[in-house]
C-alpha atoms as a PDB file:
ATOM      1  CA  MET A   1      92.935   7.831 145.909  1.00  0.00           C
ATOM      2  CA  SER A   2      93.464   5.389 142.472  1.00  0.00           C
ATOM      3  CA  LYS A   3      91.239   2.715 144.491  1.00  0.00           C
ATOM      4  CA  ARG A   4      89.109   4.830 144.383  1.00  0.00           C
ATOM      5  CA  LEU A   5      89.233   6.319 140.939  1.00  0.00           C
ATOM      6  CA  SER A   6      89.701   3.185 139.311  1.00  0.00           C
ATOM      7  CA  ALA A   7      86.373   2.120 140.795  1.00  0.00           C
ATOM      8  CA  SER A   8      85.328   5.596 139.910  1.00  0.00           C
ATOM      9  CA  GLN A   9      85.970   4.129 136.376  1.00  0.00           C
ATOM     10  CA  ASP A  10      84.814   0.886 136.803  1.00  0.00           C
ATOM     11  CA  ASN A  11      80.911   2.327 138.403  1.00  0.00           C
ATOM     12  CA  LYS A  12      81.192   4.567 134.907  1.00  0.00           C
ATOM     13  CA  SER A  13      81.346   1.966 132.072  1.00  0.00           C
ATOM     14  CA  LEU A  14      78.996  -0.120 134.160  1.00  0.00           C
ATOM     15  CA  ASN A  15      75.971   3.106 134.109  1.00  0.00           C
ATOM     16  CA  ARG A  16      77.585   3.809 130.163  1.00  0.00           C
ATOM     17  CA  LYS A  17      76.975  -0.744 129.546  1.00  0.00           C
ATOM     18  CA  ALA A  18      72.990  -0.504 130.950  1.00  0.00           C
ATOM     19  CA  TYR A  19      72.139   3.108 129.495  1.00  0.00           C
ATOM     20  CA  ILE A  20      73.576   1.091 126.466  1.00  0.00           C
ATOM     21  CA  ASP A  21      71.704  -2.010 126.495  1.00  0.00           C
ATOM     22  CA  GLU A  22      68.615   0.013 127.644  1.00  0.00           C
ATOM     23  CA  LEU A  23      68.700   1.842 124.710  1.00  0.00           C
ATOM     24  CA  PHE A  24      69.037  -1.216 122.489  1.00  0.00           C
ATOM     25  CA  SER A  25      66.539  -2.934 124.709  1.00  0.00           C
ATOM     26  CA  GLU A  26      63.991  -0.076 124.029  1.00  0.00           C
ATOM     27  CA  TYR A  27      64.953   0.223 120.329  1.00  0.00           C
ATOM     28  CA  ILE A  28      64.510  -3.564 119.831  1.00  0.00           C
ATOM     29  CA  ALA A  29      61.168  -3.489 120.804  1.00  0.00           C
ATOM     30  CA  THR A  30      59.576   0.149 119.571  1.00  0.00           C
ATOM     31  CA  LYS A  31      61.512   0.559 116.708  1.00  0.00           C
ATOM     32  CA  ASP A  32      61.728   4.262 117.502  1.00  0.00           C
ATOM     33  CA  HIS A  33      64.180   5.890 115.782  1.00  0.00           C
ATOM     34  CA  GLN A  34      65.605   9.189 118.218  1.00  0.00           C
ATOM     35  CA  LEU A  35      66.533   5.914 119.843  1.00  0.00           C
ATOM     36  CA  ARG A  36      68.739   4.933 117.426  1.00  0.00           C
ATOM     37  CA  ASN A  37      69.842   8.351 115.927  1.00  0.00           C
ATOM     38  CA  LYS A  38      70.575   8.506 120.160  1.00  0.00           C
ATOM     39  CA  ILE A  39      72.331   4.806 119.889  1.00  0.00           C
ATOM     40  CA  PHE A  40      74.112   6.314 116.852  1.00  0.00           C
ATOM     41  CA  GLU A  41      75.270   9.084 118.779  1.00  0.00           C
ATOM     42  CA  GLU A  42      77.061   7.152 121.089  1.00  0.00           C
ATOM     43  CA  HIS A  43      79.539   5.480 119.357  1.00  0.00           C
ATOM     44  CA  ILE A  44      80.115   7.434 116.369  1.00  0.00           C
ATOM     45  CA  TYR A  45      83.550   7.838 117.747  1.00  0.00           C
ATOM     46  CA  ILE A  46      83.713   4.126 116.219  1.00  0.00           C
ATOM     47  CA  ALA A  47      83.308   5.335 113.026  1.00  0.00           C
ATOM     48  CA  GLU A  48      85.898   7.987 113.160  1.00  0.00           C
ATOM     49  CA  ILE A  49      88.088   5.585 114.381  1.00  0.00           C
ATOM     50  CA  LEU A  50      88.050   3.533 111.922  1.00  0.00           C
ATOM     51  CA  SER A  51      88.221   6.178 109.083  1.00  0.00           C
ATOM     52  CA  LYS A  52      91.321   7.705 109.847  1.00  0.00           C
ATOM     53  CA  LYS A  53      93.225   4.199 109.264  1.00  0.00           C
ATOM     54  CA  TYR A  54      92.167   4.983 105.734  1.00  0.00           C
ATOM     55  CA  VAL A  55      92.880   8.095 104.809  1.00  0.00           C
ATOM     56  CA  ASN A  56      95.464   9.412 102.729  1.00  0.00           C
ATOM     57  CA  LYS A  57      94.952   5.446 100.485  1.00  0.00           C
ATOM     58  CA  GLY A  58      93.464   7.257  97.217  1.00  0.00           C
ATOM     59  CA  VAL A  59      89.446   8.525  98.419  1.00  0.00           C
ATOM     60  CA  GLU A  60      88.603  11.396 100.436  1.00  0.00           C
ATOM     61  CA  TYR A  61      88.175  11.422 104.099  1.00  0.00           C
ATOM     62  CA  ASP A  62      84.729  12.086 103.704  1.00  0.00           C
ATOM     63  CA  ASP A  63      83.544   9.077 101.541  1.00  0.00           C
ATOM     64  CA  ILE A  64      84.728   7.139 103.767  1.00  0.00           C
ATOM     65  CA  TYR A  65      83.531   8.939 106.563  1.00  0.00           C
ATOM     66  CA  GLN A  66      79.998   7.929 104.692  1.00  0.00           C
ATOM     67  CA  VAL A  67      80.961   4.463 104.164  1.00  0.00           C
ATOM     68  CA  ALA A  68      81.610   3.593 108.221  1.00  0.00           C
ATOM     69  CA  SER A  69      78.372   5.541 109.250  1.00  0.00           C
ATOM     70  CA  LEU A  70      75.572   3.680 107.217  1.00  0.00           C
ATOM     71  CA  GLY A  71      78.681   0.591 108.994  1.00  0.00           C
ATOM     72  CA  LEU A  72      78.125   1.604 112.187  1.00  0.00           C
ATOM     73  CA  ILE A  73      73.670   1.973 111.692  1.00  0.00           C
ATOM     74  CA  TYR A  74      73.531  -1.835 109.561  1.00  0.00           C
ATOM     75  CA  ALA A  75      75.376  -2.473 113.248  1.00  0.00           C
ATOM     76  CA  ILE A  76      72.761  -0.987 114.508  1.00  0.00           C
ATOM     77  CA  GLU A  77      70.079  -2.736 113.512  1.00  0.00           C
ATOM     78  CA  ARG A  78      71.300  -6.271 113.946  1.00  0.00           C
ATOM     79  CA  PHE A  79      73.091  -5.865 117.994  1.00  0.00           C
ATOM     80  CA  ASP A  80      71.319  -7.924 120.375  1.00  0.00           C
ATOM     81  CA  PRO A  81      72.084  -6.867 123.425  1.00  0.00           C
ATOM     82  CA  SER A  82      70.783 -10.190 125.280  1.00  0.00           C
ATOM     83  CA  LYS A  83      74.481 -11.840 123.892  1.00  0.00           C
ATOM     84  CA  GLY A  84      76.109 -10.460 126.127  1.00  0.00           C
ATOM     85  CA  PHE A  85      78.789  -8.775 123.881  1.00  0.00           C
ATOM     86  CA  GLU A  86      79.928  -4.685 124.356  1.00  0.00           C
ATOM     87  CA  PHE A  87      77.964  -3.175 120.889  1.00  0.00           C
ATOM     88  CA  SER A  88      81.568  -1.640 120.055  1.00  0.00           C
ATOM     89  CA  SER A  89      83.629  -4.939 119.573  1.00  0.00           C
ATOM     90  CA  PHE A  90      80.335  -5.500 117.532  1.00  0.00           C
ATOM     91  CA  ALA A  91      80.592  -2.871 115.603  1.00  0.00           C
ATOM     92  CA  THR A  92      83.691  -2.799 114.789  1.00  0.00           C
ATOM     93  CA  PRO A  93      83.998  -5.403 112.048  1.00  0.00           C
ATOM     94  CA  THR A  94      81.162  -4.473 110.879  1.00  0.00           C
ATOM     95  CA  ILE A  95      82.042  -0.673 110.079  1.00  0.00           C
ATOM     96  CA  LEU A  96      85.887  -1.996 108.773  1.00  0.00           C
ATOM     97  CA  GLY A  97      83.321  -5.071 105.953  1.00  0.00           C
ATOM     98  CA  GLU A  98      81.378  -1.871 104.735  1.00  0.00           C
ATOM     99  CA  ILE A  99      85.010   0.430 103.890  1.00  0.00           C
ATOM    100  CA  LYS A 100      86.988  -2.792 102.641  1.00  0.00           C
ATOM    101  CA  LYS A 101      83.411  -3.527 100.852  1.00  0.00           C
ATOM    102  CA  TYR A 102      83.984  -0.436  99.216  1.00  0.00           C
ATOM    103  CA  PHE A 103      87.270   0.199  98.130  1.00  0.00           C
ATOM    104  CA  ARG A 104      86.874  -3.203  96.107  1.00  0.00           C
ATOM    105  CA  ASP A 105      84.442  -1.680  94.768  1.00  0.00           C
ATOM    106  CA  LYS A 106      86.758   1.956  94.016  1.00  0.00           C
ATOM    107  CA  GLU A 107      89.079  -0.927  92.222  1.00  0.00           C
ATOM    108  CA  TRP A 108      86.769  -2.665  89.429  1.00  0.00           C
ATOM    109  CA  ILE A 109      87.322   0.914  86.905  1.00  0.00           C
ATOM    110  CA  ILE A 110      84.421  -0.853  85.692  1.00  0.00           C
ATOM    111  CA  LYS A 111      81.774  -2.107  87.972  1.00  0.00           C
ATOM    112  CA  VAL A 112      81.218  -5.994  86.842  1.00  0.00           C
ATOM    113  CA  PRO A 113      78.694  -8.528  88.415  1.00  0.00           C
ATOM    114  CA  ARG A 114      79.509  -8.851  92.115  1.00  0.00           C
ATOM    115  CA  ARG A 115      79.686 -12.449  90.461  1.00  0.00           C
ATOM    116  CA  ILE A 116      82.593 -12.175  88.655  1.00  0.00           C
ATOM    117  CA  GLN A 117      84.764  -9.907  91.343  1.00  0.00           C
ATOM    118  CA  ASP A 118      84.270 -12.772  93.480  1.00  0.00           C
ATOM    119  CA  SER A 119      85.231 -15.568  91.342  1.00  0.00           C
ATOM    120  CA  TYR A 120      88.431 -13.365  90.661  1.00  0.00           C
ATOM    121  CA  ARG A 121      89.364 -12.717  94.239  1.00  0.00           C
ATOM    122  CA  ARG A 122      88.836 -16.450  94.685  1.00  0.00           C
ATOM    123  CA  ILE A 123      91.008 -18.279  91.929  1.00  0.00           C
ATOM    124  CA  ASN A 124      93.544 -15.448  92.043  1.00  0.00           C
ATOM    125  CA  GLN A 125      93.613 -17.154  95.757  1.00  0.00           C
ATOM    126  CA  ALA A 126      93.734 -20.308  93.331  1.00  0.00           C
ATOM    127  CA  LYS A 127      95.869 -19.736  91.730  1.00  0.00           C
ATOM    128  CA  GLU A 128      98.781 -19.368  93.737  1.00  0.00           C
ATOM    129  CA  GLU A 129      97.801 -22.563  96.337  1.00  0.00           C
ATOM    130  CA  LEU A 130      97.120 -24.339  92.860  1.00  0.00           C
ATOM    131  CA  GLN A 131     101.120 -23.139  92.080  1.00  0.00           C
ATOM    132  CA  HIS A 132     102.573 -24.553  95.670  1.00  0.00           C
ATOM    133  CA  LYS A 133     100.985 -27.819  95.885  1.00  0.00           C
ATOM    134  CA  LEU A 134     101.355 -28.664  91.398  1.00  0.00           C
ATOM    135  CA  MET A 135     104.532 -26.593  91.198  1.00  0.00           C
ATOM    136  CA  LYS A 136     103.608 -25.427  88.809  1.00  0.00           C
ATOM    137  CA  VAL A 137     101.152 -23.328  86.536  1.00  0.00           C
ATOM    138  CA  PRO A 138      97.352 -24.196  86.837  1.00  0.00           C
ATOM    139  CA  THR A 139      96.620 -23.870  83.942  1.00  0.00           C
ATOM    140  CA  VAL A 140      92.241 -23.004  83.681  1.00  0.00           C
ATOM    141  CA  ASP A 141      90.859 -26.687  83.802  1.00  0.00           C
ATOM    142  CA  ASP A 142      93.073 -27.337  87.391  1.00  0.00           C
ATOM    143  CA  ILE A 143      91.398 -23.852  88.586  1.00  0.00           C
ATOM    144  CA  ALA A 144      88.034 -24.909  87.691  1.00  0.00           C
ATOM    145  CA  ASN A 145      88.353 -28.303  89.629  1.00  0.00           C
ATOM    146  CA  TYR A 146      90.304 -27.613  92.268  1.00  0.00           C
ATOM    147  CA  LEU A 147      87.022 -24.570  92.667  1.00  0.00           C
ATOM    148  CA  ASN A 148      84.107 -26.954  91.238  1.00  0.00           C
ATOM    149  CA  LEU A 149      84.473 -24.159  88.738  1.00  0.00           C
ATOM    150  CA  THR A 150      82.937 -24.875  84.901  1.00  0.00           C
ATOM    151  CA  HIS A 151      86.488 -23.384  81.954  1.00  0.00           C
ATOM    152  CA  GLU A 152      83.563 -21.290  81.221  1.00  0.00           C
ATOM    153  CA  GLU A 153      83.605 -19.298  84.588  1.00  0.00           C
ATOM    154  CA  VAL A 154      86.781 -19.726  85.056  1.00  0.00           C
ATOM    155  CA  ILE A 155      87.974 -17.669  81.395  1.00  0.00           C
ATOM    156  CA  GLU A 156      84.532 -14.721  81.982  1.00  0.00           C
ATOM    157  CA  ALA A 157      86.385 -14.468  85.703  1.00  0.00           C
ATOM    158  CA  MET A 158      89.207 -14.055  84.149  1.00  0.00           C
ATOM    159  CA  GLU A 159      88.655 -12.325  81.502  1.00  0.00           C
ATOM    160  CA  GLY A 160      86.857  -9.307  83.592  1.00  0.00           C
ATOM    161  CA  SER A 161      89.548  -8.785  85.539  1.00  0.00           C
ATOM    162  CA  PHE A 162      90.720  -6.554  83.193  1.00  0.00           C
ATOM    163  CA  ALA A 163      87.608  -4.216  84.409  1.00  0.00           C
ATOM    164  CA  TYR A 164      89.526  -4.157  87.688  1.00  0.00           C
ATOM    165  CA  GLN A 165      93.920  -3.995  85.820  1.00  0.00           C
ATOM    166  CA  PRO A 166      93.078  -1.950  82.999  1.00  0.00           C
ATOM    167  CA  THR A 167      95.798  -0.930  81.300  1.00  0.00           C
ATOM    168  CA  SER A 168      97.282   2.352  81.132  1.00  0.00           C
ATOM    169  CA  LEU A 169      98.192   4.708  78.310  1.00  0.00           C
ATOM    170  CA  ASP A 170     101.118   6.114  79.044  1.00  0.00           C
ATOM    171  CA  VAL A 171     102.638   1.707  78.473  1.00  0.00           C
ATOM    172  CA  LYS A 172     104.411   1.553  74.804  1.00  0.00           C
ATOM    173  CA  VAL A 173     103.797  -0.815  72.438  1.00  0.00           C
ATOM    174  CA  SER A 174     106.026  -1.533  70.327  1.00  0.00           C
ATOM    175  CA  ASN A 175     106.874   0.551  67.079  1.00  0.00           C
ATOM    176  CA  SER A 176     110.013  -1.879  65.090  1.00  0.00           C
ATOM    177  CA  ASN A 177     112.802  -2.883  65.505  1.00  0.00           C
ATOM    178  CA  ASP A 178     114.277   0.491  67.565  1.00  0.00           C
ATOM    179  CA  ASP A 179     114.209   2.672  70.149  1.00  0.00           C
ATOM    180  CA  SER A 180     110.982   5.094  68.743  1.00  0.00           C
ATOM    181  CA  ASP A 181     108.528   2.707  70.947  1.00  0.00           C
ATOM    182  CA  LEU A 182     104.968   4.755  71.178  1.00  0.00           C
ATOM    183  CA  SER A 183     102.399   5.224  74.433  1.00  0.00           C
ATOM    184  CA  LEU A 184      99.303   3.573  73.920  1.00  0.00           C
ATOM    185  CA  PHE A 185      98.138   6.736  73.783  1.00  0.00           C
ATOM    186  CA  GLU A 186     100.098   7.596  70.976  1.00  0.00           C
ATOM    187  CA  VAL A 187      98.424   5.066  68.872  1.00  0.00           C
ATOM    188  CA  LEU A 188      94.859   4.640  70.379  1.00  0.00           C
ATOM    189  CA  GLY A 189      92.470   6.711  67.387  1.00  0.00           C
ATOM    190  CA  LEU A 190      95.523   6.933  64.679  1.00  0.00           C
ATOM    191  CA  GLU A 191      94.260   5.178  60.757  1.00  0.00           C
ATOM    192  CA  ASP A 192      94.553   1.247  60.344  1.00  0.00           C
ATOM    193  CA  THR A 193      96.223   1.875  56.884  1.00  0.00           C
ATOM    194  CA  LYS A 194      95.870  -1.692  56.877  1.00  0.00           C
ATOM    195  CA  ILE A 195      92.545  -1.958  56.589  1.00  0.00           C
ATOM    196  CA  ALA A 196      91.922   0.429  54.259  1.00  0.00           C
ATOM    197  CA  GLU A 197      94.294  -1.699  52.149  1.00  0.00           C
ATOM    198  CA  ILE A 198      92.275  -5.207  52.823  1.00  0.00           C
ATOM    199  CA  GLU A 199      89.335  -2.578  50.924  1.00  0.00           C
ATOM    200  CA  ASN A 200      90.619  -0.526  47.999  1.00  0.00           C
ATOM    201  CA  LYS A 201      92.251  -5.019  47.466  1.00  0.00           C
ATOM    202  CA  ASP A 202      88.045  -6.217  47.387  1.00  0.00           C
ATOM    203  CA  PHE A 203      86.655  -3.419  45.878  1.00  0.00           C
ATOM    204  CA  LEU A 204      89.566  -4.078  43.107  1.00  0.00           C
ATOM    205  CA  ARG A 205      89.178  -7.193  42.603  1.00  0.00           C
ATOM    206  CA  THR A 206      85.631  -7.331  42.527  1.00  0.00           C
ATOM    207  CA  ILE A 207      86.019  -4.794  39.671  1.00  0.00           C
ATOM    208  CA  PHE A 208      88.265  -7.078  37.870  1.00  0.00           C
ATOM    209  CA  ASP A 209      85.536  -9.762  38.578  1.00  0.00           C
ATOM    210  CA  SER A 210      83.620  -7.697  36.234  1.00  0.00           C
ATOM    211  CA  LEU A 211      85.910  -8.654  33.864  1.00  0.00           C
ATOM    212  CA  SER A 212      85.816 -10.506  30.002  1.00  0.00           C
ATOM    213  CA  LYS A 213      88.525 -13.537  30.476  1.00  0.00           C
ATOM    214  CA  TYR A 214      89.807 -11.720  26.919  1.00  0.00           C
ATOM    215  CA  ASP A 215      90.090  -8.183  28.488  1.00  0.00           C
ATOM    216  CA  LYS A 216      91.933  -9.219  32.482  1.00  0.00           C
ATOM    217  CA  LYS A 217      94.594 -11.078  29.642  1.00  0.00           C
ATOM    218  CA  ILE A 218      95.434  -7.605  28.120  1.00  0.00           C
ATOM    219  CA  ILE A 219      95.185  -5.642  31.379  1.00  0.00           C
ATOM    220  CA  VAL A 220      97.049  -7.585  33.428  1.00  0.00           C
ATOM    221  CA  ASP A 221      99.878  -8.644  31.036  1.00  0.00           C
ATOM    222  CA  ARG A 222     100.032  -4.567  30.436  1.00  0.00           C
ATOM    223  CA  PHE A 223     100.366  -4.038  33.752  1.00  0.00           C
ATOM    224  CA  TYR A 224     101.387  -7.318  35.607  1.00  0.00           C
ATOM    225  CA  ASN A 225     103.535  -8.943  33.337  1.00  0.00           C
ATOM    226  CA  ASN A 226     104.708  -5.912  31.905  1.00  0.00           C
ATOM    227  CA  LYS A 227     104.570  -6.764  27.697  1.00  0.00           C
ATOM    228  CA  SER A 228     103.796  -4.405  25.735  1.00  0.00           C
ATOM    229  CA  GLN A 229     101.551  -4.026  23.068  1.00  0.00           C
ATOM    230  CA  ASN A 230     103.363  -5.313  20.565  1.00  0.00           C
ATOM    231  CA  GLU A 231     103.350  -8.779  22.120  1.00  0.00           C
ATOM    232  CA  ILE A 232      99.755  -9.507  23.072  1.00  0.00           C
ATOM    233  CA  ALA A 233      98.639  -8.388  20.475  1.00  0.00           C
ATOM    234  CA  MET A 234     101.270 -11.162  18.538  1.00  0.00           C
ATOM    235  CA  GLU A 235      99.101 -13.589  21.120  1.00  0.00           C
ATOM    236  CA  LEU A 236      96.270 -12.845  20.535  1.00  0.00           C
ATOM    237  CA  GLY A 237      95.984 -11.934  17.189  1.00  0.00           C
ATOM    238  CA  VAL A 238      95.339  -9.097  16.148  1.00  0.00           C
ATOM    239  CA  SER A 239      97.015  -5.667  15.529  1.00  0.00           C
ATOM    240  CA  GLN A 240      99.170  -3.650  17.839  1.00  0.00           C
ATOM    241  CA  MET A 241      95.705  -0.655  16.765  1.00  0.00           C
ATOM    242  CA  THR A 242      93.779  -2.787  17.795  1.00  0.00           C
ATOM    243  CA  VAL A 243      94.802  -3.597  21.332  1.00  0.00           C
ATOM    244  CA  SER A 244      95.493  -0.529  21.686  1.00  0.00           C
ATOM    245  CA  ARG A 245      91.938   0.710  21.382  1.00  0.00           C
ATOM    246  CA  LEU A 246      90.956  -1.944  23.654  1.00  0.00           C
ATOM    247  CA  GLU A 247      93.146  -1.185  26.194  1.00  0.00           C
ATOM    248  CA  LYS A 248      91.760   2.259  26.083  1.00  0.00           C
ATOM    249  CA  LYS A 249      88.022   0.978  25.969  1.00  0.00           C
ATOM    250  CA  ILE A 250      89.110  -1.193  28.854  1.00  0.00           C
ATOM    251  CA  LEU A 251      90.548   1.474  31.553  1.00  0.00           C
ATOM    252  CA  ILE A 252      87.592   3.366  30.755  1.00  0.00           C
ATOM    253  CA  LYS A 253      84.601   1.993  32.236  1.00  0.00           C
ATOM    254  CA  LEU A 254      87.599   0.857  35.063  1.00  0.00           C
ATOM    255  CA  ARG A 255      87.883   4.227  35.778  1.00  0.00           C
ATOM    256  CA  GLU A 256      83.670   4.389  35.533  1.00  0.00           C
ATOM    257  CA  LYS A 257      83.386   1.920  38.109  1.00  0.00           C
ATOM    258  CA  ILE A 258      85.923   2.889  40.616  1.00  0.00           C
ATOM    259  CA  ALA A 259      83.578   6.734  40.836  1.00  0.00           C
ATOM    260  CA  VAL A 260      80.909   5.053  41.527  1.00  0.00           C
END
């Protein structure tokens, strides 16, 4: 009984293979989309099985299934039954390749050229191989020579990797010597007071440079060297009232320039 059952199953397999080969032969000859649809329906189970292997990987099943179905169509278009291979054996790596390619593209948060993505993967692999070979962390030049790339191409790919591994907004950045570090999210968008200080200093330097040498000495001695009006008057050989009057005129001039 079991022998008859086994023979029956073998016959079914042979019949199915003959049927599939016939469909492919006709499709290759005619490129009739209805024939391609029949082949697709006969093998859609492969796409379903392979898609389920990637469930819970951060992508919806329907999206993976759509990619797998597209991979199945690519396999149908490329398959040549005259080479003697089973279509399922040919289609499986083709579909898996499309799924893996989809995940690789999905991982790059910011879209960068495929050339840079490929270079980045090669560089990562080269780093590991060179580290074992050289017994040290490889330099950019080591990697460039190993992969036959230019120094600039290696740097470009390494910089492009920031699109692959973006910094989390939750990462802590140093705030001071204490433990009150802030997250990157809390720091982004805050006004940089240092920039304002630089702008103010440049602005004041420009205004100060517009003063005469005589006026500069009065301002510097009064407000930076903390000299009295009498001390400045003695140095300049004028009265204290003259220094007082000049100081007021200079301050009015400075206020006017700042107000512009």
